[in-house]
Amino acid sequence: YSKIWFNKSGDPVPTLSEIPHGWNDLVTTISRVISEYPDIDIFLSISGGEGFVQADLDKLVEWCIEMGYCNRLSIRFNTNGTVFKEEQITKLAELFKSVEFLFSIDSIYENYHYVRWPAKWEKLESNLNSYIQLKEKYPKIKFILTPVFGINNIFYLPEWVEYFGKFS
């Protein structure tokens, strides 16, 4: 699912878990924060593009399970909503303290195609309905809308507010 990026020489760029010091720094930091702050809610944020296509997401989740950290961690995804992986989301909702989705949905209907090309509004709307169904089943799932408005979508703001107002 994840993209394989290539450097100037044509070699694939390694993922974080393929860089020993990068992976070790990540898991050491998580372990340290969990042990040093036992009374604070800790959020593990998955961002940098679409969270569910990050190459090391499954490895990080498995590591959290092995370490017994899931009940201490809330996991947060920045997403545009175009990817829906029910099995993976269900697993996260069953294991982690909470699962939050920060949806960057910047427009609606025909303008959505323009703002988020090549994404399709119909696919996003279908995914949103699937996310909502899972949220009804797992109360630990939370949604936050985080749109960015600019010249390409600001005139759709009233329709956007009306459409997403029904979700509150």
Protein backbone atom coordinates (compact mmCIF):
# COMPACT_ATOMS: atom_id res chain seq x y z
CA TYR A 1 0.00 0.00 0.00
CA SER A 2 2.80 2.41 0.72
CA LYS A 3 4.76 4.21 -1.95
CA ILE A 4 8.36 3.29 -2.55
CA TRP A 5 10.33 6.48 -3.07
CA PHE A 6 13.62 6.42 -4.95
CA ASN A 7 16.65 8.61 -4.40
CA LYS A 8 18.72 10.23 -7.19
CA SER A 9 20.66 7.02 -7.77
CA GLY A 10 17.43 5.07 -8.28
CA ASP A 11 17.66 3.12 -5.04
CA PRO A 12 14.54 2.82 -2.88
CA VAL A 13 14.54 5.10 0.14
CA PRO A 14 14.42 2.99 3.33
CA THR A 15 11.48 3.19 5.69
CA LEU A 16 12.00 4.28 9.28
CA SER A 17 12.18 0.69 10.57
CA GLU A 18 14.90 -0.07 8.03
CA ILE A 19 17.13 2.63 9.52
CA PRO A 20 18.34 1.12 12.82
CA HIS A 21 19.03 4.38 14.65
CA GLY A 22 15.73 5.89 13.43
CA TRP A 23 13.62 2.97 14.62
CA ASN A 24 15.54 2.66 17.88
CA ASP A 25 15.13 6.39 18.58
CA LEU A 26 11.38 6.13 17.97
CA VAL A 27 10.71 3.12 20.21
CA THR A 28 13.12 4.36 22.90
CA THR A 29 11.33 7.70 23.01
CA ILE A 30 7.90 6.06 23.26
CA SER A 31 9.12 3.78 26.07
CA ARG A 32 10.73 6.68 27.92
CA VAL A 33 7.64 8.89 27.71
CA ILE A 34 5.36 6.08 28.88
CA SER A 35 7.56 5.34 31.89
CA GLU A 36 8.24 8.99 32.83
CA TYR A 37 4.64 10.20 32.56
CA PRO A 38 2.36 7.51 34.00
CA ASP A 39 -0.56 9.89 34.67
CA ILE A 40 -0.65 11.74 31.34
CA ASP A 41 -2.63 10.78 28.25
CA ILE A 42 -0.13 10.02 25.53
CA PHE A 43 -0.98 10.39 21.85
CA LEU A 44 0.89 8.56 19.14
CA SER A 45 0.32 10.65 16.00
CA ILE A 46 0.58 9.03 12.60
CA SER A 47 0.98 11.68 9.93
CA GLY A 48 3.11 12.64 6.99
CA GLY A 49 0.73 11.79 4.22
CA GLU A 50 -2.05 9.27 4.53
CA GLY A 51 -1.54 7.44 7.84
CA PHE A 52 -2.86 4.09 6.69
CA VAL A 53 -0.32 3.83 3.88
CA GLN A 54 2.69 4.47 6.10
CA ALA A 55 5.04 1.55 5.55
CA ASP A 56 5.87 0.99 9.21
CA LEU A 57 2.42 1.41 10.76
CA ASP A 58 1.79 -2.31 11.25
CA LYS A 59 5.26 -2.84 12.69
CA LEU A 60 4.77 0.04 15.14
CA VAL A 61 1.37 -1.28 16.24
CA GLU A 62 2.78 -4.78 16.74
CA TRP A 63 5.64 -3.34 18.79
CA CYS A 64 3.13 -1.44 20.99
CA ILE A 65 1.19 -4.69 21.51
CA GLU A 66 4.34 -6.67 22.38
CA MET A 67 5.43 -4.00 24.87
CA GLY A 68 1.97 -3.86 26.48
CA TYR A 69 1.65 -0.14 25.74
CA CYS A 70 -1.69 -0.05 23.93
CA ASN A 71 -3.80 0.62 27.02
CA ARG A 72 -1.62 3.69 27.75
CA LEU A 73 -1.60 5.10 24.23
CA SER A 74 -4.16 6.90 22.16
CA ILE A 75 -3.41 6.74 18.46
CA ARG A 76 -4.20 9.68 16.19
CA PHE A 77 -4.28 9.69 12.39
CA ASN A 78 -4.14 12.64 10.06
CA THR A 79 -6.15 11.47 7.08
CA ASN A 80 -8.00 12.77 4.08
CA GLY A 81 -10.47 9.89 4.46
CA THR A 82 -9.75 8.28 1.11
CA VAL A 83 -8.39 5.11 2.72
CA PHE A 84 -10.57 2.89 4.90
CA LYS A 85 -9.13 -0.32 6.35
CA GLU A 86 -11.86 -1.80 8.52
CA GLU A 87 -9.84 -4.71 9.90
CA GLN A 88 -6.94 -2.48 10.91
CA ILE A 89 -9.18 0.20 12.44
CA THR A 90 -11.15 -2.42 14.37
CA LYS A 91 -7.92 -3.86 15.77
CA LEU A 92 -6.76 -0.41 16.85
CA ALA A 93 -10.14 0.38 18.45
CA GLU A 94 -10.04 -2.87 20.41
CA LEU A 95 -6.45 -2.42 21.65
CA PHE A 96 -5.65 1.27 22.11
CA LYS A 97 -6.99 3.66 24.72
CA SER A 98 -8.63 5.69 21.94
CA VAL A 99 -8.37 6.12 18.19
CA GLU A 100 -8.73 9.61 16.73
CA PHE A 101 -9.10 10.59 13.12
CA LEU A 102 -8.29 14.14 12.09
CA PHE A 103 -10.05 14.40 8.74
CA SER A 104 -8.68 16.96 6.32
CA ILE A 105 -11.74 17.25 4.10
CA ASP A 106 -11.40 20.59 2.41
CA SER A 107 -14.43 20.68 0.17
CA ILE A 108 -17.51 18.78 -0.94
CA TYR A 109 -19.24 17.44 -4.02
CA GLU A 110 -17.78 18.47 -7.39
CA ASN A 111 -15.30 20.92 -5.85
CA TYR A 112 -13.78 18.10 -3.79
CA HIS A 113 -12.57 16.49 -7.04
CA TYR A 114 -10.82 19.73 -7.90
CA VAL A 115 -9.25 20.39 -4.48
CA ARG A 116 -8.20 16.78 -3.76
CA TRP A 117 -7.64 15.44 -7.27
CA PRO A 118 -7.50 12.51 -8.05
CA ALA A 119 -9.67 11.62 -5.05
CA LYS A 120 -13.38 11.13 -5.72
CA TRP A 121 -16.17 12.55 -3.55
CA GLU A 122 -18.25 9.37 -3.91
CA LYS A 123 -15.39 7.24 -2.55
CA LEU A 124 -14.79 9.64 0.34
CA GLU A 125 -18.49 9.74 1.21
CA SER A 126 -18.64 5.95 1.20
CA ASN A 127 -15.57 5.78 3.46
CA LEU A 128 -17.06 8.37 5.83
CA ASN A 129 -20.17 6.25 6.20
CA SER A 130 -17.97 3.24 6.97
CA TYR A 131 -16.00 5.23 9.56
CA ILE A 132 -19.26 6.36 11.17
CA GLN A 133 -20.53 2.77 11.39
CA LEU A 134 -17.33 1.73 13.18
CA LYS A 135 -17.57 4.73 15.51
CA GLU A 136 -21.06 3.59 16.52
CA LYS A 137 -19.65 0.16 17.34
CA TYR A 138 -16.50 1.41 19.10
CA PRO A 139 -17.03 4.49 21.29
CA LYS A 140 -13.23 4.86 21.64
CA ILE A 141 -13.16 6.13 18.03
CA LYS A 142 -13.27 9.93 17.72
CA PHE A 143 -13.49 12.24 14.72
CA ILE A 144 -12.24 15.77 14.28
CA LEU A 145 -12.65 17.76 11.06
CA THR A 146 -9.56 19.78 10.17
CA PRO A 147 -10.22 21.44 6.81
CA VAL A 148 -8.08 24.12 5.24
CA PHE A 149 -9.95 26.78 3.30
CA GLY A 150 -8.44 28.96 0.62
CA ILE A 151 -9.29 30.50 -2.72
CA ASN A 152 -10.11 27.12 -4.31
CA ASN A 153 -12.78 26.13 -1.79
CA ILE A 154 -13.85 29.08 0.37
CA PHE A 155 -17.01 29.69 -1.65
CA TYR A 156 -18.15 26.15 -0.75
CA LEU A 157 -17.92 26.88 2.98
CA PRO A 158 -21.70 27.28 3.53
CA GLU A 159 -22.40 23.94 1.81
CA TRP A 160 -19.50 22.32 3.69
CA VAL A 161 -20.87 23.54 7.05
CA GLU A 162 -24.39 22.35 6.16
CA TYR A 163 -23.14 18.92 5.03
CA PHE A 164 -20.86 18.26 8.00
CA GLY A 165 -23.18 19.94 10.51
CA LYS A 166 -25.35 16.84 10.39
CA PHE A 167 -22.50 14.80 11.91
CA SER A 168 -22.36 16.72 15.17
